[in-house]
PDB file of all heavy atoms in Angstrom:
ATOM      1  N   ALA A   1       0.844  -1.198   0.000  1.00  0.00           N
ATOM      2  CA  ALA A   1       0.000   0.000   0.000  1.00  0.00           C
ATOM      3  C   ALA A   1       0.876   1.244   0.000  1.00  0.00           C
ATOM      4  O   ALA A   1       2.028   1.207   0.442  1.00  0.00           O
ATOM      5  CB  ALA A   1      -0.904  -0.004   1.229  1.00  0.00           C
ATOM      6  N   GLN A   2       0.310   2.309  -0.508  1.00  0.00           N
ATOM      7  CA  GLN A   2       1.042   3.578  -0.471  1.00  0.00           C
ATOM      8  C   GLN A   2       0.071   4.723  -0.231  1.00  0.00           C
ATOM      9  O   GLN A   2      -1.104   4.642  -0.572  1.00  0.00           O
ATOM     10  CB  GLN A   2       1.848   3.805  -1.737  1.00  0.00           C
ATOM     11  CG  GLN A   2       1.058   4.012  -2.995  1.00  0.00           C
ATOM     12  CD  GLN A   2       1.970   4.163  -4.206  1.00  0.00           C
ATOM     13  OE1 GLN A   2       3.132   3.777  -4.176  1.00  0.00           O
ATOM     14  NE2 GLN A   2       1.448   4.715  -5.275  1.00  0.00           N
ATOM     15  N   SER A   3       0.616   5.787   0.375  1.00  0.00           N
ATOM     16  CA  SER A   3      -0.200   6.953   0.693  1.00  0.00           C
ATOM     17  C   SER A   3      -0.376   7.824  -0.548  1.00  0.00           C
ATOM     18  O   SER A   3       0.312   7.648  -1.554  1.00  0.00           O
ATOM     19  CB  SER A   3       0.481   7.781   1.791  1.00  0.00           C
ATOM     20  OG  SER A   3       1.649   8.393   1.282  1.00  0.00           O
ATOM     21  N   GLU A   4      -1.275   8.775  -0.438  1.00  0.00           N
ATOM     22  CA  GLU A   4      -1.397   9.807  -1.468  1.00  0.00           C
ATOM     23  C   GLU A   4      -0.143  10.687  -1.369  1.00  0.00           C
ATOM     24  O   GLU A   4       0.408  10.873  -0.287  1.00  0.00           O
ATOM     25  CB  GLU A   4      -2.642  10.660  -1.228  1.00  0.00           C
ATOM     26  CG  GLU A   4      -3.946   9.921  -1.472  1.00  0.00           C
ATOM     27  CD  GLU A   4      -4.080   9.478  -2.922  1.00  0.00           C
ATOM     28  OE1 GLU A   4      -3.760  10.269  -3.831  1.00  0.00           O
ATOM     29  OE2 GLU A   4      -4.488   8.319  -3.140  1.00  0.00           O
ATOM     30  N   PRO A   5       0.323  11.231  -2.488  1.00  0.00           N
ATOM     31  CA  PRO A   5       1.512  12.087  -2.420  1.00  0.00           C
ATOM     32  C   PRO A   5       1.213  13.413  -1.719  1.00  0.00           C
ATOM     33  O   PRO A   5       0.088  13.896  -1.743  1.00  0.00           O
ATOM     34  CB  PRO A   5       1.880  12.314  -3.883  1.00  0.00           C
ATOM     35  CG  PRO A   5       0.653  11.993  -4.661  1.00  0.00           C
ATOM     36  CD  PRO A   5      -0.166  11.047  -3.849  1.00  0.00           C
ATOM     37  N   VAL A   6       2.235  13.941  -1.090  1.00  0.00           N
ATOM     38  CA  VAL A   6       2.149  15.250  -0.447  1.00  0.00           C
ATOM     39  C   VAL A   6       3.288  16.108  -1.004  1.00  0.00           C
ATOM     40  O   VAL A   6       4.374  15.599  -1.272  1.00  0.00           O
ATOM     41  CB  VAL A   6       2.223  15.135   1.098  1.00  0.00           C
ATOM     42  CG1 VAL A   6       3.544  14.558   1.549  1.00  0.00           C
ATOM     43  CG2 VAL A   6       1.976  16.467   1.761  1.00  0.00           C
ATOM     44  N   THR A   7       3.030  17.385  -1.205  1.00  0.00           N
ATOM     45  CA  THR A   7       4.044  18.298  -1.730  1.00  0.00           C
ATOM     46  C   THR A   7       4.714  19.031  -0.574  1.00  0.00           C
ATOM     47  O   THR A   7       4.045  19.601   0.288  1.00  0.00           O
ATOM     48  CB  THR A   7       3.420  19.320  -2.697  1.00  0.00           C
ATOM     49  OG1 THR A   7       2.832  18.609  -3.783  1.00  0.00           O
ATOM     50  CG2 THR A   7       4.470  20.285  -3.230  1.00  0.00           C
ATOM     51  N   VAL A   8       6.041  18.985  -0.548  1.00  0.00           N
ATOM     52  CA  VAL A   8       6.840  19.683   0.463  1.00  0.00           C
ATOM     53  C   VAL A   8       7.603  20.795  -0.248  1.00  0.00           C
ATOM     54  O   VAL A   8       8.278  20.544  -1.259  1.00  0.00           O
ATOM     55  CB  VAL A   8       7.831  18.721   1.167  1.00  0.00           C
ATOM     56  CG1 VAL A   8       8.749  19.484   2.097  1.00  0.00           C
ATOM     57  CG2 VAL A   8       7.070  17.636   1.904  1.00  0.00           C
ATOM     58  N   THR A   9       7.470  22.007   0.257  1.00  0.00           N
ATOM     59  CA  THR A   9       8.192  23.157  -0.308  1.00  0.00           C
ATOM     60  C   THR A   9       9.092  23.745   0.763  1.00  0.00           C
ATOM     61  O   THR A   9       8.622  24.125   1.830  1.00  0.00           O
ATOM     62  CB  THR A   9       7.208  24.236  -0.810  1.00  0.00           C
ATOM     63  OG1 THR A   9       6.316  23.639  -1.752  1.00  0.00           O
ATOM     64  CG2 THR A   9       7.956  25.389  -1.469  1.00  0.00           C
ATOM     65  N   VAL A  10      10.393  23.782   0.481  1.00  0.00           N
ATOM     66  CA  VAL A  10      11.365  24.355   1.411  1.00  0.00           C
ATOM     67  C   VAL A  10      11.658  25.780   0.955  1.00  0.00           C
ATOM     68  O   VAL A  10      12.033  26.007  -0.195  1.00  0.00           O
ATOM     69  CB  VAL A  10      12.675  23.532   1.444  1.00  0.00           C
ATOM     70  CG1 VAL A  10      13.676  24.143   2.406  1.00  0.00           C
ATOM     71  CG2 VAL A  10      12.377  22.081   1.811  1.00  0.00           C
ATOM     72  N   HIS A  11      11.450  26.734   1.853  1.00  0.00           N
ATOM     73  CA  HIS A  11      11.685  28.144   1.545  1.00  0.00           C
ATOM     74  C   HIS A  11      13.036  28.574   2.094  1.00  0.00           C
ATOM     75  O   HIS A  11      13.443  28.129   3.159  1.00  0.00           O
ATOM     76  CB  HIS A  11      10.590  29.025   2.168  1.00  0.00           C
ATOM     77  CG  HIS A  11       9.231  28.727   1.631  1.00  0.00           C
ATOM     78  ND1 HIS A  11       8.801  29.210   0.419  1.00  0.00           N
ATOM     79  CD2 HIS A  11       8.218  27.981   2.126  1.00  0.00           C
ATOM     80  CE1 HIS A  11       7.567  28.779   0.190  1.00  0.00           C
ATOM     81  NE2 HIS A  11       7.197  28.028   1.213  1.00  0.00           N
ATOM     82  N   GLY A  12      13.709  29.437   1.354  1.00  0.00           N
ATOM     83  CA  GLY A  12      14.987  29.981   1.814  1.00  0.00           C
ATOM     84  C   GLY A  12      14.802  30.971   2.948  1.00  0.00           C
ATOM     85  O   GLY A  12      13.764  31.618   3.063  1.00  0.00           O
ATOM     86  N   VAL A  13      15.817  31.080   3.793  1.00  0.00           N
ATOM     87  CA  VAL A  13      15.819  32.048   4.893  1.00  0.00           C
ATOM     88  C   VAL A  13      16.682  33.225   4.465  1.00  0.00           C
ATOM     89  O   VAL A  13      17.841  33.042   4.082  1.00  0.00           O
ATOM     90  CB  VAL A  13      16.389  31.410   6.181  1.00  0.00           C
ATOM     91  CG1 VAL A  13      16.481  32.424   7.295  1.00  0.00           C
ATOM     92  CG2 VAL A  13      15.554  30.216   6.596  1.00  0.00           C
ATOM     93  N   PRO A  14      16.141  34.458   4.488  1.00  0.00           N
ATOM     94  CA  PRO A  14      16.933  35.615   4.068  1.00  0.00           C
ATOM     95  C   PRO A  14      18.162  35.818   4.970  1.00  0.00           C
ATOM     96  O   PRO A  14      18.142  35.494   6.154  1.00  0.00           O
ATOM     97  CB  PRO A  14      15.964  36.797   4.218  1.00  0.00           C
ATOM     98  CG  PRO A  14      14.610  36.191   4.303  1.00  0.00           C
ATOM     99  CD  PRO A  14      14.789  34.816   4.866  1.00  0.00           C
ATOM    100  N   LEU A  15      19.210  36.364   4.381  1.00  0.00           N
ATOM    101  CA  LEU A  15      20.429  36.669   5.130  1.00  0.00           C
ATOM    102  C   LEU A  15      20.160  37.738   6.178  1.00  0.00           C
ATOM    103  O   LEU A  15      19.505  38.734   5.892  1.00  0.00           O
ATOM    104  CB  LEU A  15      21.513  37.193   4.180  1.00  0.00           C
ATOM    105  CG  LEU A  15      22.099  36.205   3.190  1.00  0.00           C
ATOM    106  CD1 LEU A  15      22.975  36.932   2.186  1.00  0.00           C
ATOM    107  CD2 LEU A  15      22.892  35.151   3.912  1.00  0.00           C
ATOM    108  N   SER A  16      20.682  37.526   7.367  1.00  0.00           N
ATOM    109  CA  SER A  16      20.605  38.555   8.412  1.00  0.00           C
ATOM    110  C   SER A  16      21.645  38.265   9.477  1.00  0.00           C
ATOM    111  O   SER A  16      22.152  37.152   9.597  1.00  0.00           O
ATOM    112  CB  SER A  16      19.209  38.600   9.054  1.00  0.00           C
ATOM    113  OG  SER A  16      18.943  37.416   9.767  1.00  0.00           O
ATOM    114  N   GLY A  17      21.959  39.293  10.244  1.00  0.00           N
ATOM    115  CA  GLY A  17      22.876  39.125  11.370  1.00  0.00           C
ATOM    116  C   GLY A  17      24.306  38.858  10.961  1.00  0.00           C
ATOM    117  O   GLY A  17      24.976  38.031  11.580  1.00  0.00           O
ATOM    118  N   VAL A  18      24.799  39.548   9.920  1.00  0.00           N
ATOM    119  CA  VAL A  18      26.193  39.380   9.508  1.00  0.00           C
ATOM    120  C   VAL A  18      27.075  40.194  10.463  1.00  0.00           C
ATOM    121  O   VAL A  18      26.845  41.377  10.677  1.00  0.00           O
ATOM    122  CB  VAL A  18      26.414  39.851   8.051  1.00  0.00           C
ATOM    123  CG1 VAL A  18      27.871  39.684   7.646  1.00  0.00           C
ATOM    124  CG2 VAL A  18      25.501  39.075   7.107  1.00  0.00           C
ATOM    125  N   SER A  19      28.053  39.536  11.058  1.00  0.00           N
ATOM    126  CA  SER A  19      28.927  40.212  12.023  1.00  0.00           C
ATOM    127  C   SER A  19      30.370  39.810  11.778  1.00  0.00           C
ATOM    128  O   SER A  19      30.645  38.809  11.131  1.00  0.00           O
ATOM    129  CB  SER A  19      28.517  39.864  13.457  1.00  0.00           C
ATOM    130  OG  SER A  19      28.626  38.471  13.672  1.00  0.00           O
ATOM    131  N   LEU A  20      31.276  40.622  12.289  1.00  0.00           N
ATOM    132  CA  LEU A  20      32.680  40.267  12.191  1.00  0.00           C
ATOM    133  C   LEU A  20      33.381  40.626  13.478  1.00  0.00           C
ATOM    134  O   LEU A  20      32.936  41.476  14.238  1.00  0.00           O
ATOM    135  CB  LEU A  20      33.344  40.900  10.969  1.00  0.00           C
ATOM    136  CG  LEU A  20      33.678  42.371  10.939  1.00  0.00           C
ATOM    137  CD1 LEU A  20      35.086  42.607  11.466  1.00  0.00           C
ATOM    138  CD2 LEU A  20      33.627  42.868   9.505  1.00  0.00           C
ATOM    139  N   TRP A  21      34.488  39.946  13.728  1.00  0.00           N
ATOM    140  CA  TRP A  21      35.322  40.233  14.884  1.00  0.00           C
ATOM    141  C   TRP A  21      36.772  40.030  14.498  1.00  0.00           C
ATOM    142  O   TRP A  21      37.075  39.435  13.473  1.00  0.00           O
ATOM    143  CB  TRP A  21      34.910  39.413  16.103  1.00  0.00           C
ATOM    144  CG  TRP A  21      35.116  37.940  15.983  1.00  0.00           C
ATOM    145  CD1 TRP A  21      36.189  37.226  16.427  1.00  0.00           C
ATOM    146  CD2 TRP A  21      34.244  36.983  15.384  1.00  0.00           C
ATOM    147  NE1 TRP A  21      36.039  35.894  16.133  1.00  0.00           N
ATOM    148  CE2 TRP A  21      34.856  35.718  15.491  1.00  0.00           C
ATOM    149  CE3 TRP A  21      33.012  37.077  14.754  1.00  0.00           C
ATOM    150  CZ2 TRP A  21      34.268  34.559  15.001  1.00  0.00           C
ATOM    151  CZ3 TRP A  21      32.437  35.914  14.262  1.00  0.00           C
ATOM    152  CH2 TRP A  21      33.051  34.688  14.399  1.00  0.00           C
ATOM    153  N   ALA A  22      37.642  40.551  15.343  1.00  0.00           N
ATOM    154  CA  ALA A  22      39.069  40.558  15.023  1.00  0.00           C
ATOM    155  C   ALA A  22      39.877  39.887  16.110  1.00  0.00           C
ATOM    156  O   ALA A  22      39.496  39.849  17.276  1.00  0.00           O
ATOM    157  CB  ALA A  22      39.550  41.996  14.851  1.00  0.00           C
ATOM    158  N   GLN A  23      41.018  39.363  15.687  1.00  0.00           N
ATOM    159  CA  GLN A  23      42.025  38.867  16.611  1.00  0.00           C
ATOM    160  C   GLN A  23      43.338  39.532  16.206  1.00  0.00           C
ATOM    161  O   GLN A  23      43.802  39.289  15.109  1.00  0.00           O
ATOM    162  CB  GLN A  23      42.141  37.348  16.523  1.00  0.00           C
ATOM    163  CG  GLN A  23      43.082  36.738  17.536  1.00  0.00           C
ATOM    164  CD  GLN A  23      42.667  37.029  18.971  1.00  0.00           C
ATOM    165  OE1 GLN A  23      41.493  37.011  19.299  1.00  0.00           O
ATOM    166  NE2 GLN A  23      43.627  37.337  19.806  1.00  0.00           N
ATOM    167  N   PRO A  24      43.911  40.430  16.980  1.00  0.00           N
ATOM    168  CA  PRO A  24      43.560  40.773  18.353  1.00  0.00           C
ATOM    169  C   PRO A  24      42.229  41.540  18.444  1.00  0.00           C
ATOM    170  O   PRO A  24      41.843  42.220  17.505  1.00  0.00           O
ATOM    171  CB  PRO A  24      44.721  41.653  18.821  1.00  0.00           C
ATOM    172  CG  PRO A  24      45.379  42.154  17.594  1.00  0.00           C
ATOM    173  CD  PRO A  24      45.088  41.178  16.513  1.00  0.00           C
ATOM    174  N   PRO A  25      41.561  41.400  19.608  1.00  0.00           N
ATOM    175  CA  PRO A  25      40.248  42.015  19.812  1.00  0.00           C
ATOM    176  C   PRO A  25      40.290  43.525  19.603  1.00  0.00           C
ATOM    177  O   PRO A  25      41.273  44.185  19.922  1.00  0.00           O
ATOM    178  CB  PRO A  25      39.915  41.678  21.274  1.00  0.00           C
ATOM    179  CG  PRO A  25      40.744  40.471  21.586  1.00  0.00           C
ATOM    180  CD  PRO A  25      41.996  40.621  20.772  1.00  0.00           C
ATOM    181  N   GLY A  26      39.204  44.041  19.057  1.00  0.00           N
ATOM    182  CA  GLY A  26      39.078  45.483  18.864  1.00  0.00           C
ATOM    183  C   GLY A  26      39.759  45.994  17.609  1.00  0.00           C
ATOM    184  O   GLY A  26      39.622  47.150  17.246  1.00  0.00           O
ATOM    185  N   GLY A  27      40.514  45.140  16.924  1.00  0.00           N
ATOM    186  CA  GLY A  27      41.141  45.545  15.682  1.00  0.00           C
ATOM    187  C   GLY A  27      42.358  46.435  15.844  1.00  0.00           C
ATOM    188  O   GLY A  27      42.784  47.071  14.892  1.00  0.00           O
ATOM    189  N   GLN A  28      42.940  46.476  17.035  1.00  0.00           N
ATOM    190  CA  GLN A  28      44.178  47.232  17.228  1.00  0.00           C
ATOM    191  C   GLN A  28      45.335  46.251  17.205  1.00  0.00           C
ATOM    192  O   GLN A  28      45.435  45.367  18.052  1.00  0.00           O
ATOM    193  CB  GLN A  28      44.151  48.001  18.554  1.00  0.00           C
ATOM    194  CG  GLN A  28      43.119  49.094  18.544  1.00  0.00           C
ATOM    195  CD  GLN A  28      43.311  50.079  19.666  1.00  0.00           C
ATOM    196  OE1 GLN A  28      44.173  49.917  20.519  1.00  0.00           O
ATOM    197  NE2 GLN A  28      42.499  51.113  19.668  1.00  0.00           N
ATOM    198  N   VAL A  29      46.217  46.423  16.221  1.00  0.00           N
ATOM    199  CA  VAL A  29      47.299  45.473  16.004  1.00  0.00           C
ATOM    200  C   VAL A  29      48.601  46.237  15.786  1.00  0.00           C
ATOM    201  O   VAL A  29      48.617  47.293  15.173  1.00  0.00           O
ATOM    202  CB  VAL A  29      46.965  44.543  14.808  1.00  0.00           C
ATOM    203  CG1 VAL A  29      46.753  45.314  13.532  1.00  0.00           C
ATOM    204  CG2 VAL A  29      48.006  43.472  14.624  1.00  0.00           C
ATOM    205  N   ALA A  30      49.688  45.712  16.332  1.00  0.00           N
ATOM    206  CA  ALA A  30      50.992  46.356  16.194  1.00  0.00           C
ATOM    207  C   ALA A  30      51.542  46.135  14.789  1.00  0.00           C
ATOM    208  O   ALA A  30      51.311  45.092  14.173  1.00  0.00           O
ATOM    209  CB  ALA A  30      51.964  45.801  17.236  1.00  0.00           C
ATOM    210  N   LEU A  31      52.247  47.116  14.302  1.00  0.00           N
ATOM    211  CA  LEU A  31      52.893  47.049  12.990  1.00  0.00           C
ATOM    212  C   LEU A  31      53.723  45.766  12.893  1.00  0.00           C
ATOM    213  O   LEU A  31      54.510  45.455  13.786  1.00  0.00           O
ATOM    214  CB  LEU A  31      53.785  48.285  12.800  1.00  0.00           C
ATOM    215  CG  LEU A  31      54.475  48.429  11.449  1.00  0.00           C
ATOM    216  CD1 LEU A  31      53.444  48.643  10.350  1.00  0.00           C
ATOM    217  CD2 LEU A  31      55.467  49.585  11.481  1.00  0.00           C
ATOM    218  N   GLY A  32      53.507  44.992  11.832  1.00  0.00           N
ATOM    219  CA  GLY A  32      54.248  43.747  11.618  1.00  0.00           C
ATOM    220  C   GLY A  32      53.610  42.521  12.241  1.00  0.00           C
ATOM    221  O   GLY A  32      54.028  41.402  11.967  1.00  0.00           O
ATOM    222  N   ASP A  33      52.603  42.714  13.106  1.00  0.00           N
ATOM    223  CA  ASP A  33      51.929  41.576  13.732  1.00  0.00           C
ATOM    224  C   ASP A  33      50.840  41.019  12.813  1.00  0.00           C
ATOM    225  O   ASP A  33      50.501  41.596  11.788  1.00  0.00           O
ATOM    226  CB  ASP A  33      51.324  41.971  15.079  1.00  0.00           C
ATOM    227  CG  ASP A  33      52.358  42.016  16.196  1.00  0.00           C
ATOM    228  OD1 ASP A  33      53.534  41.700  15.934  1.00  0.00           O
ATOM    229  OD2 ASP A  33      51.980  42.383  17.318  1.00  0.00           O
ATOM    230  N   ARG A  34      50.260  39.913  13.245  1.00  0.00           N
ATOM    231  CA  ARG A  34      49.232  39.207  12.490  1.00  0.00           C
ATOM    232  C   ARG A  34      47.845  39.709  12.890  1.00  0.00           C
ATOM    233  O   ARG A  34      47.561  39.915  14.068  1.00  0.00           O
ATOM    234  CB  ARG A  34      49.359  37.716  12.804  1.00  0.00           C
ATOM    235  CG  ARG A  34      48.346  36.835  12.161  1.00  0.00           C
ATOM    236  CD  ARG A  34      48.733  35.371  12.467  1.00  0.00           C
ATOM    237  NE  ARG A  34      47.633  34.492  12.202  1.00  0.00           N
ATOM    238  CZ  ARG A  34      46.978  33.802  13.122  1.00  0.00           C
ATOM    239  NH1 ARG A  34      47.334  33.879  14.382  1.00  0.00           N
ATOM    240  NH2 ARG A  34      45.980  33.017  12.788  1.00  0.00           N
ATOM    241  N   LEU A  35      46.962  39.865  11.888  1.00  0.00           N
ATOM    242  CA  LEU A  35      45.572  40.241  12.110  1.00  0.00           C
ATOM    243  C   LEU A  35      44.689  39.208  11.436  1.00  0.00           C
ATOM    244  O   LEU A  35      44.917  38.842  10.279  1.00  0.00           O
ATOM    245  CB  LEU A  35      45.275  41.625  11.510  1.00  0.00           C
ATOM    246  CG  LEU A  35      43.809  42.053  11.510  1.00  0.00           C
ATOM    247  CD1 LEU A  35      43.313  42.327  12.934  1.00  0.00           C
ATOM    248  CD2 LEU A  35      43.613  43.290  10.632  1.00  0.00           C
ATOM    249  N   VAL A  36      43.693  38.713  12.174  1.00  0.00           N
ATOM    250  CA  VAL A  36      42.721  37.770  11.608  1.00  0.00           C
ATOM    251  C   VAL A  36      41.332  38.344  11.823  1.00  0.00           C
ATOM    252  O   VAL A  36      40.952  38.662  12.950  1.00  0.00           O
ATOM    253  CB  VAL A  36      42.822  36.372  12.262  1.00  0.00           C
ATOM    254  CG1 VAL A  36      41.759  35.433  11.676  1.00  0.00           C
ATOM    255  CG2 VAL A  36      44.208  35.786  12.076  1.00  0.00           C
ATOM    256  N   LEU A  37      40.580  38.492  10.730  1.00  0.00           N
ATOM    257  CA  LEU A  37      39.189  38.933  10.790  1.00  0.00           C
ATOM    258  C   LEU A  37      38.306  37.733  10.459  1.00  0.00           C
ATOM    259  O   LEU A  37      38.610  36.974   9.533  1.00  0.00           O
ATOM    260  CB  LEU A  37      38.936  40.057   9.794  1.00  0.00           C
ATOM    261  CG  LEU A  37      39.776  41.316   9.968  1.00  0.00           C
ATOM    262  CD1 LEU A  37      39.490  42.315   8.850  1.00  0.00           C
ATOM    263  CD2 LEU A  37      39.525  41.947  11.321  1.00  0.00           C
ATOM    264  N   SER A  38      37.226  37.557  11.218  1.00  0.00           N
ATOM    265  CA  SER A  38      36.305  36.442  11.013  1.00  0.00           C
ATOM    266  C   SER A  38      34.897  36.972  10.812  1.00  0.00           C
ATOM    267  O   SER A  38      34.492  37.935  11.455  1.00  0.00           O
ATOM    268  CB  SER A  38      36.323  35.507  12.221  1.00  0.00           C
ATOM    269  OG  SER A  38      37.609  34.969  12.409  1.00  0.00           O
ATOM    270  N   CYS A  39      34.145  36.313   9.935  1.00  0.00           N
ATOM    271  CA  CYS A  39      32.786  36.727   9.597  1.00  0.00           C
ATOM    272  C   CYS A  39      31.815  35.610   9.983  1.00  0.00           C
ATOM    273  O   CYS A  39      32.135  34.432   9.863  1.00  0.00           O
ATOM    274  CB  CYS A  39      32.712  37.001   8.092  1.00  0.00           C
ATOM    275  SG  CYS A  39      31.186  37.788   7.544  1.00  0.00           S
ATOM    276  N   ALA A  40      30.629  36.005  10.444  1.00  0.00           N
ATOM    277  CA  ALA A  40      29.596  35.030  10.815  1.00  0.00           C
ATOM    278  C   ALA A  40      28.231  35.517  10.347  1.00  0.00           C
ATOM    279  O   ALA A  40      28.005  36.724  10.231  1.00  0.00           O
ATOM    280  CB  ALA A  40      29.587  34.815  12.323  1.00  0.00           C
ATOM    281  N   VAL A  41      27.327  34.574  10.094  1.00  0.00           N
ATOM    282  CA  VAL A  41      25.967  34.883   9.663  1.00  0.00           C
ATOM    283  C   VAL A  41      25.011  34.219  10.641  1.00  0.00           C
ATOM    284  O   VAL A  41      25.088  33.016  10.876  1.00  0.00           O
ATOM    285  CB  VAL A  41      25.708  34.352   8.232  1.00  0.00           C
ATOM    286  CG1 VAL A  41      24.284  34.633   7.807  1.00  0.00           C
ATOM    287  CG2 VAL A  41      26.694  34.946   7.254  1.00  0.00           C
TER     288      VAL A  41
END
């Protein structure tokens, strides 16, 4: 036996809450040192 078909629709979620942070914190870095920026959604 089988059921009647059902339609499933997956909707996209709009982009929101894009943020970034730095290492070292606050984005203050000494000349010649390493800076890493990271992004998140």
